[in-house]
């Protein structure tokens, strides 16, 4: 009996489809309950299928509230397939002795590429041009056809100078842009010097920037960071880009500002109530809309899946997960 118990594998729940390499890796170390679907799990189904598991590989639509976490008897680790973790109440997980991990760094450059692509697409009206050609409206060249805004030598304002914010700044430096930023913590002096960054107040950033790009985590203090008041501070020629989290922007307020040309345009990859998008935004031509795909390159999403699997296995096997969000719990569990 003892030998049989020692040979038993731990069990892990994977709540939604991930890359097959990650599933193969998990199967080498655990019994895998795999919801091979893009639909995700309702809270009721999650509560049932998580029973008897020691780990869960989760995605952003899996909401681990204090109430849900209180029911997760036996779970050692939640491994989120994302750099953001606003779907998990980390303090509550810590109180219940559950390690929480995410997938940082691996998606930094891919997300920064996409943010800058949204910036340029909105500035130069690429999507409008695409529809213009496909609809057969392009019959002649005109000197004022789909005029947009220059990007080079303009001012970029970045909210949040973390990994992705710095990566966006590096791309902007290649376009000879002036870069100002706002953050609760100042960037390292070497980074400021390398990229020519200037730390400014939020109000000054909004008033001076030709482009505003958001790279902050979703927290109580960043919810509706950009609302009607902030949009009115921006230049009428300014463009807003959001690849962080949808609720950082008051979506109805943004839609109204775009309709009334309070600002010139926007590029959005995230929304307040995904996958729902404010109906007014869908009618406007001065906004570029993407379906939360800023990190969606083949290499990056594969690496994110593998990183989450490795975090889950480490937690199940009693090792410190590489990308731990609550290290103080590990110190406690390890008796340090």
C-alpha atoms as a PDB file:
ATOM      1  CA  UNK A   1       0.000   0.000   0.000  1.00  0.00           C
ATOM      2  CA  UNK A   2       2.772   2.427   0.906  1.00  0.00           C
ATOM      3  CA  UNK A   3       4.586   1.743  -2.356  1.00  0.00           C
ATOM      4  CA  UNK A   4       1.373   2.387  -4.276  1.00  0.00           C
ATOM      5  CA  UNK A   5       0.812   5.665  -2.475  1.00  0.00           C
ATOM      6  CA  UNK A   6       4.345   6.767  -3.215  1.00  0.00           C
ATOM      7  CA  UNK A   7       3.884   5.986  -6.915  1.00  0.00           C
ATOM      8  CA  UNK A   8       0.672   7.990  -7.255  1.00  0.00           C
ATOM      9  CA  UNK A   9       1.016  11.146  -9.312  1.00  0.00           C
ATOM     10  CA  UNK A  10      -0.412  14.454  -8.187  1.00  0.00           C
ATOM     11  CA  UNK A  11      -3.352  15.806 -10.196  1.00  0.00           C
ATOM     12  CA  UNK A  12      -3.704  19.090 -12.091  1.00  0.00           C
ATOM     13  CA  UNK A  13      -6.669  20.787 -13.721  1.00  0.00           C
ATOM     14  CA  UNK A  14      -6.126  22.761 -16.936  1.00  0.00           C
ATOM     15  CA  UNK A  15      -9.161  24.990 -17.321  1.00  0.00           C
ATOM     16  CA  UNK A  16      -8.852  25.904 -21.002  1.00  0.00           C
ATOM     17  CA  UNK A  17      -6.920  24.976 -24.122  1.00  0.00           C
ATOM     18  CA  UNK A  18      -3.170  25.637 -24.061  1.00  0.00           C
ATOM     19  CA  UNK A  19      -0.294  24.525 -26.271  1.00  0.00           C
ATOM     20  CA  UNK A  20       0.125  20.732 -26.572  1.00  0.00           C
ATOM     21  CA  UNK A  21       3.770  20.832 -25.506  1.00  0.00           C
ATOM     22  CA  UNK A  22       2.662  22.110 -22.100  1.00  0.00           C
ATOM     23  CA  UNK A  23       0.076  19.344 -21.733  1.00  0.00           C
ATOM     24  CA  UNK A  24       2.687  16.731 -22.649  1.00  0.00           C
ATOM     25  CA  UNK A  25       5.028  18.151 -20.004  1.00  0.00           C
ATOM     26  CA  UNK A  26       2.281  18.107 -17.370  1.00  0.00           C
ATOM     27  CA  UNK A  27       1.435  14.477 -18.183  1.00  0.00           C
ATOM     28  CA  UNK A  28       5.028  13.491 -17.457  1.00  0.00           C
ATOM     29  CA  UNK A  29       4.587  14.714 -13.884  1.00  0.00           C
ATOM     30  CA  UNK A  30       0.895  14.513 -13.016  1.00  0.00           C
ATOM     31  CA  UNK A  31      -2.530  13.176 -13.866  1.00  0.00           C
ATOM     32  CA  UNK A  32      -4.075  15.851 -16.065  1.00  0.00           C
ATOM     33  CA  UNK A  33      -7.732  16.810 -16.206  1.00  0.00           C
ATOM     34  CA  UNK A  34      -7.715  18.879 -19.393  1.00  0.00           C
ATOM     35  CA  UNK A  35     -10.650  21.010 -20.527  1.00  0.00           C
ATOM     36  CA  UNK A  36      -9.551  21.053 -24.162  1.00  0.00           C
ATOM     37  CA  UNK A  37     -11.912  23.846 -25.127  1.00  0.00           C
ATOM     38  CA  UNK A  38     -11.818  27.578 -25.763  1.00  0.00           C
ATOM     39  CA  UNK A  39     -15.002  28.128 -23.785  1.00  0.00           C
ATOM     40  CA  UNK A  40     -13.550  28.157 -20.283  1.00  0.00           C
ATOM     41  CA  UNK A  41     -15.374  26.952 -17.181  1.00  0.00           C
ATOM     42  CA  UNK A  42     -18.284  28.398 -15.297  1.00  0.00           C
ATOM     43  CA  UNK A  43     -17.688  28.799 -11.572  1.00  0.00           C
ATOM     44  CA  UNK A  44     -19.916  25.795 -10.800  1.00  0.00           C
ATOM     45  CA  UNK A  45     -17.994  23.498 -13.147  1.00  0.00           C
ATOM     46  CA  UNK A  46     -14.666  24.774 -11.857  1.00  0.00           C
ATOM     47  CA  UNK A  47     -15.693  23.997  -8.266  1.00  0.00           C
ATOM     48  CA  UNK A  48     -16.539  20.387  -9.190  1.00  0.00           C
ATOM     49  CA  UNK A  49     -13.582  19.576 -11.433  1.00  0.00           C
ATOM     50  CA  UNK A  50     -10.977  21.080  -9.143  1.00  0.00           C
ATOM     51  CA  UNK A  51     -11.745  18.571  -6.372  1.00  0.00           C
ATOM     52  CA  UNK A  52      -8.878  16.196  -5.695  1.00  0.00           C
ATOM     53  CA  UNK A  53      -6.375  18.336  -7.602  1.00  0.00           C
ATOM     54  CA  UNK A  54      -3.158  19.793  -6.257  1.00  0.00           C
ATOM     55  CA  UNK A  55      -2.705  22.429  -8.978  1.00  0.00           C
ATOM     56  CA  UNK A  56      -4.696  24.380 -11.532  1.00  0.00           C
ATOM     57  CA  UNK A  57      -3.405  25.953 -14.742  1.00  0.00           C
ATOM     58  CA  UNK A  58      -5.722  28.909 -15.186  1.00  0.00           C
ATOM     59  CA  UNK A  59      -6.441  31.729 -17.596  1.00  0.00           C
ATOM     60  CA  UNK A  60      -7.782  35.243 -17.209  1.00  0.00           C
ATOM     61  CA  UNK A  61     -11.442  34.258 -17.376  1.00  0.00           C
ATOM     62  CA  UNK A  62     -11.060  31.983 -14.327  1.00  0.00           C
ATOM     63  CA  UNK A  63     -12.097  34.149 -11.389  1.00  0.00           C
ATOM     64  CA  UNK A  64     -10.495  33.108  -8.102  1.00  0.00           C
ATOM     65  CA  UNK A  65     -12.368  35.302  -5.655  1.00  0.00           C
ATOM     66  CA  UNK A  66     -12.045  34.911  -1.863  1.00  0.00           C
ATOM     67  CA  UNK A  67     -15.248  32.865  -1.935  1.00  0.00           C
ATOM     68  CA  UNK A  68     -13.923  30.500  -4.612  1.00  0.00           C
ATOM     69  CA  UNK A  69     -10.502  30.219  -2.985  1.00  0.00           C
ATOM     70  CA  UNK A  70     -12.098  29.178   0.313  1.00  0.00           C
ATOM     71  CA  UNK A  71     -13.419  26.051  -1.416  1.00  0.00           C
ATOM     72  CA  UNK A  72     -10.111  24.919  -2.960  1.00  0.00           C
ATOM     73  CA  UNK A  73      -9.194  22.248  -0.446  1.00  0.00           C
ATOM     74  CA  UNK A  74      -5.876  20.595  -1.341  1.00  0.00           C
ATOM     75  CA  UNK A  75      -4.801  23.051  -4.061  1.00  0.00           C
ATOM     76  CA  UNK A  76      -1.128  23.935  -3.695  1.00  0.00           C
ATOM     77  CA  UNK A  77      -0.630  26.242  -6.661  1.00  0.00           C
ATOM     78  CA  UNK A  78      -2.573  28.309  -9.190  1.00  0.00           C
ATOM     79  CA  UNK A  79      -0.494  28.813 -12.350  1.00  0.00           C
ATOM     80  CA  UNK A  80      -1.913  31.659 -14.432  1.00  0.00           C
ATOM     81  CA  UNK A  81      -1.173  31.703 -18.174  1.00  0.00           C
ATOM     82  CA  UNK A  82      -0.687  35.489 -18.234  1.00  0.00           C
ATOM     83  CA  UNK A  83       1.546  38.180 -16.840  1.00  0.00           C
ATOM     84  CA  UNK A  84      -1.500  39.900 -15.328  1.00  0.00           C
ATOM     85  CA  UNK A  85      -3.279  38.273 -12.396  1.00  0.00           C
ATOM     86  CA  UNK A  86      -6.259  40.498 -11.612  1.00  0.00           C
ATOM     87  CA  UNK A  87      -8.450  37.396 -11.936  1.00  0.00           C
ATOM     88  CA  UNK A  88      -6.888  36.012  -8.737  1.00  0.00           C
ATOM     89  CA  UNK A  89      -7.187  37.513  -5.267  1.00  0.00           C
ATOM     90  CA  UNK A  90      -3.553  36.900  -4.324  1.00  0.00           C
ATOM     91  CA  UNK A  91      -3.857  37.990  -0.654  1.00  0.00           C
ATOM     92  CA  UNK A  92      -6.812  35.620  -0.201  1.00  0.00           C
ATOM     93  CA  UNK A  93      -4.885  32.798  -1.904  1.00  0.00           C
ATOM     94  CA  UNK A  94      -1.977  33.459   0.447  1.00  0.00           C
ATOM     95  CA  UNK A  95      -4.266  33.250   3.477  1.00  0.00           C
ATOM     96  CA  UNK A  96      -5.452  29.850   2.231  1.00  0.00           C
ATOM     97  CA  UNK A  97      -1.886  28.609   1.695  1.00  0.00           C
ATOM     98  CA  UNK A  98      -2.081  28.591  -2.127  1.00  0.00           C
ATOM     99  CA  UNK A  99       0.940  29.626  -4.185  1.00  0.00           C
ATOM    100  CA  UNK A 100       0.128  31.854  -7.172  1.00  0.00           C
ATOM    101  CA  UNK A 101       2.301  32.201 -10.274  1.00  0.00           C
ATOM    102  CA  UNK A 102       2.227  34.062 -13.577  1.00  0.00           C
ATOM    103  CA  UNK A 103       4.249  34.294 -16.808  1.00  0.00           C
ATOM    104  CA  UNK A 104       6.310  37.513 -16.809  1.00  0.00           C
ATOM    105  CA  UNK A 105       9.104  38.629 -19.166  1.00  0.00           C
ATOM    106  CA  UNK A 106       8.357  36.134 -21.931  1.00  0.00           C
ATOM    107  CA  UNK A 107       5.668  38.339 -23.488  1.00  0.00           C
ATOM    108  CA  UNK A 108       7.316  41.736 -22.958  1.00  0.00           C
ATOM    109  CA  UNK A 109       8.680  42.353 -26.445  1.00  0.00           C
ATOM    110  CA  UNK A 110       5.736  40.742 -28.226  1.00  0.00           C
ATOM    111  CA  UNK A 111       3.267  42.943 -26.349  1.00  0.00           C
ATOM    112  CA  UNK A 112       5.400  46.038 -26.892  1.00  0.00           C
ATOM    113  CA  UNK A 113       5.510  45.307 -30.637  1.00  0.00           C
ATOM    114  CA  UNK A 114       1.730  45.121 -30.698  1.00  0.00           C
ATOM    115  CA  UNK A 115       1.233  48.284 -28.651  1.00  0.00           C
ATOM    116  CA  UNK A 116       3.421  50.220 -31.039  1.00  0.00           C
ATOM    117  CA  UNK A 117       1.604  48.645 -33.987  1.00  0.00           C
ATOM    118  CA  UNK A 118      -1.726  49.866 -32.578  1.00  0.00           C
ATOM    119  CA  UNK A 119      -0.209  53.316 -32.116  1.00  0.00           C
ATOM    120  CA  UNK A 120       0.983  53.472 -35.705  1.00  0.00           C
ATOM    121  CA  UNK A 121      -2.167  51.907 -37.148  1.00  0.00           C
ATOM    122  CA  UNK A 122      -4.362  54.476 -35.402  1.00  0.00           C
ATOM    123  CA  UNK A 123      -2.024  57.344 -36.278  1.00  0.00           C
ATOM    124  CA  UNK A 124      -1.810  56.466 -39.969  1.00  0.00           C
ATOM    125  CA  UNK A 125      -5.388  55.147 -40.320  1.00  0.00           C
ATOM    126  CA  UNK A 126      -4.268  51.751 -41.613  1.00  0.00           C
ATOM    127  CA  UNK A 127      -7.516  49.920 -40.848  1.00  0.00           C
ATOM    128  CA  UNK A 128      -9.584  52.611 -42.536  1.00  0.00           C
ATOM    129  CA  UNK A 129      -7.301  52.347 -45.548  1.00  0.00           C
ATOM    130  CA  UNK A 130      -7.658  48.570 -45.615  1.00  0.00           C
ATOM    131  CA  UNK A 131     -11.461  48.824 -45.718  1.00  0.00           C
ATOM    132  CA  UNK A 132     -11.263  51.648 -48.259  1.00  0.00           C
ATOM    133  CA  UNK A 133      -9.341  49.440 -50.692  1.00  0.00           C
ATOM    134  CA  UNK A 134     -11.398  46.283 -50.053  1.00  0.00           C
ATOM    135  CA  UNK A 135     -14.688  48.098 -50.526  1.00  0.00           C
ATOM    136  CA  UNK A 136     -13.659  49.376 -53.963  1.00  0.00           C
ATOM    137  CA  UNK A 137     -13.786  53.047 -52.933  1.00  0.00           C
ATOM    138  CA  UNK A 138     -10.195  53.692 -54.030  1.00  0.00           C
ATOM    139  CA  UNK A 139     -10.487  55.043 -57.557  1.00  0.00           C
ATOM    140  CA  UNK A 140      -7.843  57.769 -57.592  1.00  0.00           C
ATOM    141  CA  UNK A 141      -4.908  59.193 -55.639  1.00  0.00           C
ATOM    142  CA  UNK A 142      -5.706  62.374 -53.715  1.00  0.00           C
ATOM    143  CA  UNK A 143      -3.353  64.682 -51.861  1.00  0.00           C
ATOM    144  CA  UNK A 144      -5.606  64.586 -48.786  1.00  0.00           C
ATOM    145  CA  UNK A 145      -6.671  60.929 -48.889  1.00  0.00           C
ATOM    146  CA  UNK A 146      -6.866  59.441 -45.353  1.00  0.00           C
ATOM    147  CA  UNK A 147      -4.457  61.918 -43.824  1.00  0.00           C
ATOM    148  CA  UNK A 148      -3.062  60.765 -40.494  1.00  0.00           C
ATOM    149  CA  UNK A 149      -0.637  61.899 -37.815  1.00  0.00           C
ATOM    150  CA  UNK A 150       3.144  61.622 -37.914  1.00  0.00           C
ATOM    151  CA  UNK A 151       4.738  59.430 -35.262  1.00  0.00           C
ATOM    152  CA  UNK A 152       8.371  60.455 -35.578  1.00  0.00           C
ATOM    153  CA  UNK A 153       9.581  63.322 -33.389  1.00  0.00           C
ATOM    154  CA  UNK A 154       6.239  63.456 -31.556  1.00  0.00           C
ATOM    155  CA  UNK A 155       5.701  63.065 -27.795  1.00  0.00           C
ATOM    156  CA  UNK A 156       4.789  59.678 -26.354  1.00  0.00           C
ATOM    157  CA  UNK A 157       3.360  59.551 -22.838  1.00  0.00           C
ATOM    158  CA  UNK A 158       3.577  56.183 -21.076  1.00  0.00           C
ATOM    159  CA  UNK A 159       1.613  55.278 -17.963  1.00  0.00           C
ATOM    160  CA  UNK A 160       3.591  52.530 -16.219  1.00  0.00           C
ATOM    161  CA  UNK A 161       7.321  52.206 -16.831  1.00  0.00           C
ATOM    162  CA  UNK A 162       7.695  48.517 -16.032  1.00  0.00           C
ATOM    163  CA  UNK A 163       9.014  45.848 -18.370  1.00  0.00           C
ATOM    164  CA  UNK A 164       6.513  46.468 -21.173  1.00  0.00           C
ATOM    165  CA  UNK A 165       6.515  50.237 -20.740  1.00  0.00           C
ATOM    166  CA  UNK A 166      10.299  50.264 -21.106  1.00  0.00           C
ATOM    167  CA  UNK A 167      10.099  48.024 -24.184  1.00  0.00           C
ATOM    168  CA  UNK A 168       7.597  50.408 -25.798  1.00  0.00           C
ATOM    169  CA  UNK A 169       9.891  53.323 -24.949  1.00  0.00           C
ATOM    170  CA  UNK A 170      12.776  51.585 -26.717  1.00  0.00           C
ATOM    171  CA  UNK A 171      10.663  51.282 -29.862  1.00  0.00           C
ATOM    172  CA  UNK A 172       9.636  54.926 -29.590  1.00  0.00           C
ATOM    173  CA  UNK A 173      13.275  55.977 -29.254  1.00  0.00           C
ATOM    174  CA  UNK A 174      13.873  54.420 -32.680  1.00  0.00           C
ATOM    175  CA  UNK A 175      11.311  56.882 -34.074  1.00  0.00           C
ATOM    176  CA  UNK A 176      13.072  59.838 -32.428  1.00  0.00           C
ATOM    177  CA  UNK A 177      10.108  60.416 -30.141  1.00  0.00           C
ATOM    178  CA  UNK A 178      10.221  62.488 -26.985  1.00  0.00           C
ATOM    179  CA  UNK A 179       9.202  60.141 -24.159  1.00  0.00           C
ATOM    180  CA  UNK A 180       7.532  61.236 -20.935  1.00  0.00           C
ATOM    181  CA  UNK A 181       6.123  58.865 -18.355  1.00  0.00           C
ATOM    182  CA  UNK A 182       4.139  58.646 -15.153  1.00  0.00           C
ATOM    183  CA  UNK A 183       4.533  55.914 -12.548  1.00  0.00           C
ATOM    184  CA  UNK A 184       4.228  55.565  -8.793  1.00  0.00           C
ATOM    185  CA  UNK A 185       7.868  54.451  -8.807  1.00  0.00           C
ATOM    186  CA  UNK A 186      10.643  56.145 -10.717  1.00  0.00           C
ATOM    187  CA  UNK A 187      12.426  54.093 -13.371  1.00  0.00           C
ATOM    188  CA  UNK A 188      16.088  53.271 -12.699  1.00  0.00           C
ATOM    189  CA  UNK A 189      18.389  56.171 -13.495  1.00  0.00           C
ATOM    190  CA  UNK A 190      20.253  54.119 -16.092  1.00  0.00           C
ATOM    191  CA  UNK A 191      16.986  53.376 -17.923  1.00  0.00           C
ATOM    192  CA  UNK A 192      15.948  57.032 -17.847  1.00  0.00           C
ATOM    193  CA  UNK A 193      19.315  58.033 -19.272  1.00  0.00           C
ATOM    194  CA  UNK A 194      19.367  55.290 -21.930  1.00  0.00           C
ATOM    195  CA  UNK A 195      15.900  56.124 -23.263  1.00  0.00           C
ATOM    196  CA  UNK A 196      15.808  59.836 -22.535  1.00  0.00           C
ATOM    197  CA  UNK A 197      12.806  59.461 -20.234  1.00  0.00           C
ATOM    198  CA  UNK A 198      11.251  62.283 -18.255  1.00  0.00           C
ATOM    199  CA  UNK A 199       9.074  61.550 -15.214  1.00  0.00           C
ATOM    200  CA  UNK A 200       6.080  63.904 -15.134  1.00  0.00           C
ATOM    201  CA  UNK A 201       2.730  64.232 -13.380  1.00  0.00           C
ATOM    202  CA  UNK A 202      -0.271  62.448 -14.845  1.00  0.00           C
ATOM    203  CA  UNK A 203      -1.856  65.789 -15.727  1.00  0.00           C
ATOM    204  CA  UNK A 204       1.218  67.043 -17.571  1.00  0.00           C
ATOM    205  CA  UNK A 205       1.536  63.771 -19.456  1.00  0.00           C
ATOM    206  CA  UNK A 206      -2.056  63.979 -20.652  1.00  0.00           C
ATOM    207  CA  UNK A 207      -1.703  67.595 -21.746  1.00  0.00           C
ATOM    208  CA  UNK A 208       1.626  67.251 -23.573  1.00  0.00           C
ATOM    209  CA  UNK A 209       1.512  63.788 -25.162  1.00  0.00           C
ATOM    210  CA  UNK A 210       0.566  63.227 -28.792  1.00  0.00           C
ATOM    211  CA  UNK A 211       0.213  59.520 -27.978  1.00  0.00           C
ATOM    212  CA  UNK A 212      -0.697  57.999 -24.601  1.00  0.00           C
ATOM    213  CA  UNK A 213       0.087  54.301 -24.054  1.00  0.00           C
ATOM    214  CA  UNK A 214      -1.143  52.421 -20.978  1.00  0.00           C
ATOM    215  CA  UNK A 215       1.012  49.745 -19.310  1.00  0.00           C
ATOM    216  CA  UNK A 216      -0.260  49.543 -15.728  1.00  0.00           C
ATOM    217  CA  UNK A 217      -1.657  46.550 -13.827  1.00  0.00           C
ATOM    218  CA  UNK A 218      -5.341  46.547 -12.945  1.00  0.00           C
ATOM    219  CA  UNK A 219      -5.628  47.594  -9.304  1.00  0.00           C
ATOM    220  CA  UNK A 220      -8.203  49.639  -7.400  1.00  0.00           C
ATOM    221  CA  UNK A 221      -6.127  52.775  -7.964  1.00  0.00           C
ATOM    222  CA  UNK A 222      -5.786  52.179 -11.728  1.00  0.00           C
ATOM    223  CA  UNK A 223      -9.414  51.293 -12.459  1.00  0.00           C
ATOM    224  CA  UNK A 224     -10.736  54.045 -14.759  1.00  0.00           C
ATOM    225  CA  UNK A 225      -7.327  55.700 -14.702  1.00  0.00           C
ATOM    226  CA  UNK A 226      -8.485  57.261 -17.958  1.00  0.00           C
ATOM    227  CA  UNK A 227     -12.014  58.660 -17.795  1.00  0.00           C
ATOM    228  CA  UNK A 228     -13.925  61.615 -19.173  1.00  0.00           C
ATOM    229  CA  UNK A 229     -11.881  64.126 -17.152  1.00  0.00           C
ATOM    230  CA  UNK A 230      -8.558  62.742 -18.332  1.00  0.00           C
ATOM    231  CA  UNK A 231      -9.699  62.516 -21.952  1.00  0.00           C
ATOM    232  CA  UNK A 232     -10.636  66.202 -21.902  1.00  0.00           C
ATOM    233  CA  UNK A 233      -7.079  67.014 -20.796  1.00  0.00           C
ATOM    234  CA  UNK A 234      -5.621  65.386 -23.893  1.00  0.00           C
ATOM    235  CA  UNK A 235      -4.913  67.144 -27.167  1.00  0.00           C
ATOM    236  CA  UNK A 236      -7.692  66.933 -29.782  1.00  0.00           C
ATOM    237  CA  UNK A 237      -5.065  65.358 -32.069  1.00  0.00           C
ATOM    238  CA  UNK A 238      -3.975  62.789 -29.455  1.00  0.00           C
ATOM    239  CA  UNK A 239      -4.298  59.009 -29.700  1.00  0.00           C
ATOM    240  CA  UNK A 240      -4.818  56.621 -26.772  1.00  0.00           C
ATOM    241  CA  UNK A 241      -3.443  53.053 -26.808  1.00  0.00           C
ATOM    242  CA  UNK A 242      -4.420  50.389 -24.264  1.00  0.00           C
ATOM    243  CA  UNK A 243      -2.820  46.946 -24.127  1.00  0.00           C
ATOM    244  CA  UNK A 244      -2.926  46.636 -20.314  1.00  0.00           C
ATOM    245  CA  UNK A 245      -6.383  45.800 -18.926  1.00  0.00           C
ATOM    246  CA  UNK A 246      -9.763  47.003 -20.157  1.00  0.00           C
ATOM    247  CA  UNK A 247     -11.066  48.522 -16.895  1.00  0.00           C
ATOM    248  CA  UNK A 248      -8.083  50.891 -16.779  1.00  0.00           C
ATOM    249  CA  UNK A 249     -10.157  52.953 -19.246  1.00  0.00           C
ATOM    250  CA  UNK A 250     -13.751  54.102 -18.769  1.00  0.00           C
ATOM    251  CA  UNK A 251     -14.927  52.549 -22.026  1.00  0.00           C
ATOM    252  CA  UNK A 252     -18.210  54.456 -22.499  1.00  0.00           C
ATOM    253  CA  UNK A 253     -16.390  57.717 -21.756  1.00  0.00           C
ATOM    254  CA  UNK A 254     -13.750  56.867 -24.355  1.00  0.00           C
ATOM    255  CA  UNK A 255     -16.376  55.969 -26.940  1.00  0.00           C
ATOM    256  CA  UNK A 256     -18.110  59.306 -26.401  1.00  0.00           C
ATOM    257  CA  UNK A 257     -14.800  61.189 -26.580  1.00  0.00           C
ATOM    258  CA  UNK A 258     -13.959  59.513 -29.879  1.00  0.00           C
ATOM    259  CA  UNK A 259     -17.407  60.159 -31.326  1.00  0.00           C
ATOM    260  CA  UNK A 260     -17.204  63.842 -30.380  1.00  0.00           C
ATOM    261  CA  UNK A 261     -13.539  64.092 -31.491  1.00  0.00           C
ATOM    262  CA  UNK A 262     -12.388  65.143 -28.035  1.00  0.00           C
ATOM    263  CA  UNK A 263      -9.332  63.067 -29.016  1.00  0.00           C
ATOM    264  CA  UNK A 264      -8.388  61.960 -32.527  1.00  0.00           C
ATOM    265  CA  UNK A 265      -8.245  58.204 -32.124  1.00  0.00           C
ATOM    266  CA  UNK A 266      -7.484  55.081 -30.127  1.00  0.00           C
ATOM    267  CA  UNK A 267      -5.989  51.618 -30.460  1.00  0.00           C
ATOM    268  CA  UNK A 268      -7.456  49.034 -28.095  1.00  0.00           C
ATOM    269  CA  UNK A 269      -6.616  45.405 -27.402  1.00  0.00           C
ATOM    270  CA  UNK A 270      -8.513  45.086 -24.111  1.00  0.00           C
ATOM    271  CA  UNK A 271     -12.000  45.998 -22.928  1.00  0.00           C
ATOM    272  CA  UNK A 272     -13.957  46.479 -19.721  1.00  0.00           C
ATOM    273  CA  UNK A 273     -16.298  43.507 -20.197  1.00  0.00           C
ATOM    274  CA  UNK A 274     -14.508  41.152 -22.572  1.00  0.00           C
ATOM    275  CA  UNK A 275     -15.470  39.846 -25.033  1.00  0.00           C
ATOM    276  CA  UNK A 276     -18.208  42.489 -25.112  1.00  0.00           C
ATOM    277  CA  UNK A 277     -17.185  45.792 -26.689  1.00  0.00           C
ATOM    278  CA  UNK A 278     -19.074  49.038 -26.200  1.00  0.00           C
ATOM    279  CA  UNK A 279     -21.511  49.187 -29.172  1.00  0.00           C
ATOM    280  CA  UNK A 280     -20.531  52.772 -29.978  1.00  0.00           C
ATOM    281  CA  UNK A 281     -16.871  51.804 -30.394  1.00  0.00           C
ATOM    282  CA  UNK A 282     -17.911  49.253 -33.017  1.00  0.00           C
ATOM    283  CA  UNK A 283     -19.500  52.011 -35.087  1.00  0.00           C
ATOM    284  CA  UNK A 284     -16.544  54.398 -35.054  1.00  0.00           C
ATOM    285  CA  UNK A 285     -13.828  54.600 -37.673  1.00  0.00           C
ATOM    286  CA  UNK A 286     -11.269  56.420 -35.537  1.00  0.00           C
ATOM    287  CA  UNK A 287     -10.520  53.440 -33.302  1.00  0.00           C
ATOM    288  CA  UNK A 288      -8.511  50.294 -34.062  1.00  0.00           C
ATOM    289  CA  UNK A 289      -9.949  47.292 -32.204  1.00  0.00           C
ATOM    290  CA  UNK A 290      -8.114  43.999 -31.578  1.00  0.00           C
ATOM    291  CA  UNK A 291      -9.406  40.923 -29.673  1.00  0.00           C
ATOM    292  CA  UNK A 292      -6.891  40.813 -26.781  1.00  0.00           C
ATOM    293  CA  UNK A 293      -4.041  39.451 -28.901  1.00  0.00           C
ATOM    294  CA  UNK A 294      -1.085  41.634 -27.892  1.00  0.00           C
ATOM    295  CA  UNK A 295       0.906  38.576 -26.747  1.00  0.00           C
ATOM    296  CA  UNK A 296      -0.446  36.319 -29.494  1.00  0.00           C
ATOM    297  CA  UNK A 297       2.626  35.234 -31.381  1.00  0.00           C
ATOM    298  CA  UNK A 298       3.261  31.516 -31.825  1.00  0.00           C
ATOM    299  CA  UNK A 299       6.517  31.562 -29.879  1.00  0.00           C
ATOM    300  CA  UNK A 300       5.238  33.721 -27.030  1.00  0.00           C
ATOM    301  CA  UNK A 301       1.980  31.871 -26.388  1.00  0.00           C
ATOM    302  CA  UNK A 302       3.853  28.541 -26.502  1.00  0.00           C
ATOM    303  CA  UNK A 303       6.369  29.848 -23.965  1.00  0.00           C
ATOM    304  CA  UNK A 304       3.578  31.189 -21.745  1.00  0.00           C
ATOM    305  CA  UNK A 305       1.884  27.776 -21.753  1.00  0.00           C
ATOM    306  CA  UNK A 306       5.144  26.002 -20.903  1.00  0.00           C
ATOM    307  CA  UNK A 307       6.035  28.493 -18.188  1.00  0.00           C
ATOM    308  CA  UNK A 308       2.664  28.004 -16.494  1.00  0.00           C
ATOM    309  CA  UNK A 309       3.064  24.220 -16.699  1.00  0.00           C
ATOM    310  CA  UNK A 310       6.538  24.421 -15.161  1.00  0.00           C
ATOM    311  CA  UNK A 311       5.221  26.651 -12.367  1.00  0.00           C
ATOM    312  CA  UNK A 312       2.422  24.167 -11.654  1.00  0.00           C
ATOM    313  CA  UNK A 313       4.744  21.156 -11.551  1.00  0.00           C
ATOM    314  CA  UNK A 314       7.190  22.910  -9.241  1.00  0.00           C
ATOM    315  CA  UNK A 315       4.397  23.757  -6.813  1.00  0.00           C
ATOM    316  CA  UNK A 316       2.980  20.225  -6.864  1.00  0.00           C
ATOM    317  CA  UNK A 317       6.398  18.709  -6.251  1.00  0.00           C
ATOM    318  CA  UNK A 318       7.156  20.957  -3.287  1.00  0.00           C
ATOM    319  CA  UNK A 319       9.681  23.122  -5.102  1.00  0.00           C
ATOM    320  CA  UNK A 320       9.602  26.918  -5.274  1.00  0.00           C
ATOM    321  CA  UNK A 321       7.837  27.903  -8.510  1.00  0.00           C
ATOM    322  CA  UNK A 322      10.043  30.127 -10.679  1.00  0.00           C
ATOM    323  CA  UNK A 323       7.490  32.930 -11.141  1.00  0.00           C
ATOM    324  CA  UNK A 324       5.929  33.272  -7.725  1.00  0.00           C
ATOM    325  CA  UNK A 325       3.607  36.176  -6.854  1.00  0.00           C
ATOM    326  CA  UNK A 326       3.408  35.476  -3.109  1.00  0.00           C
ATOM    327  CA  UNK A 327       6.986  34.568  -2.078  1.00  0.00           C
ATOM    328  CA  UNK A 328       6.190  35.314   1.559  1.00  0.00           C
ATOM    329  CA  UNK A 329       3.965  32.225   1.581  1.00  0.00           C
ATOM    330  CA  UNK A 330       6.782  30.088   0.212  1.00  0.00           C
ATOM    331  CA  UNK A 331       9.100  31.354   2.946  1.00  0.00           C
ATOM    332  CA  UNK A 332       6.480  30.386   5.510  1.00  0.00           C
ATOM    333  CA  UNK A 333       5.845  26.947   3.982  1.00  0.00           C
ATOM    334  CA  UNK A 334       9.563  26.276   3.689  1.00  0.00           C
ATOM    335  CA  UNK A 335      10.034  27.195   7.336  1.00  0.00           C
ATOM    336  CA  UNK A 336      12.457  30.010   6.626  1.00  0.00           C
END
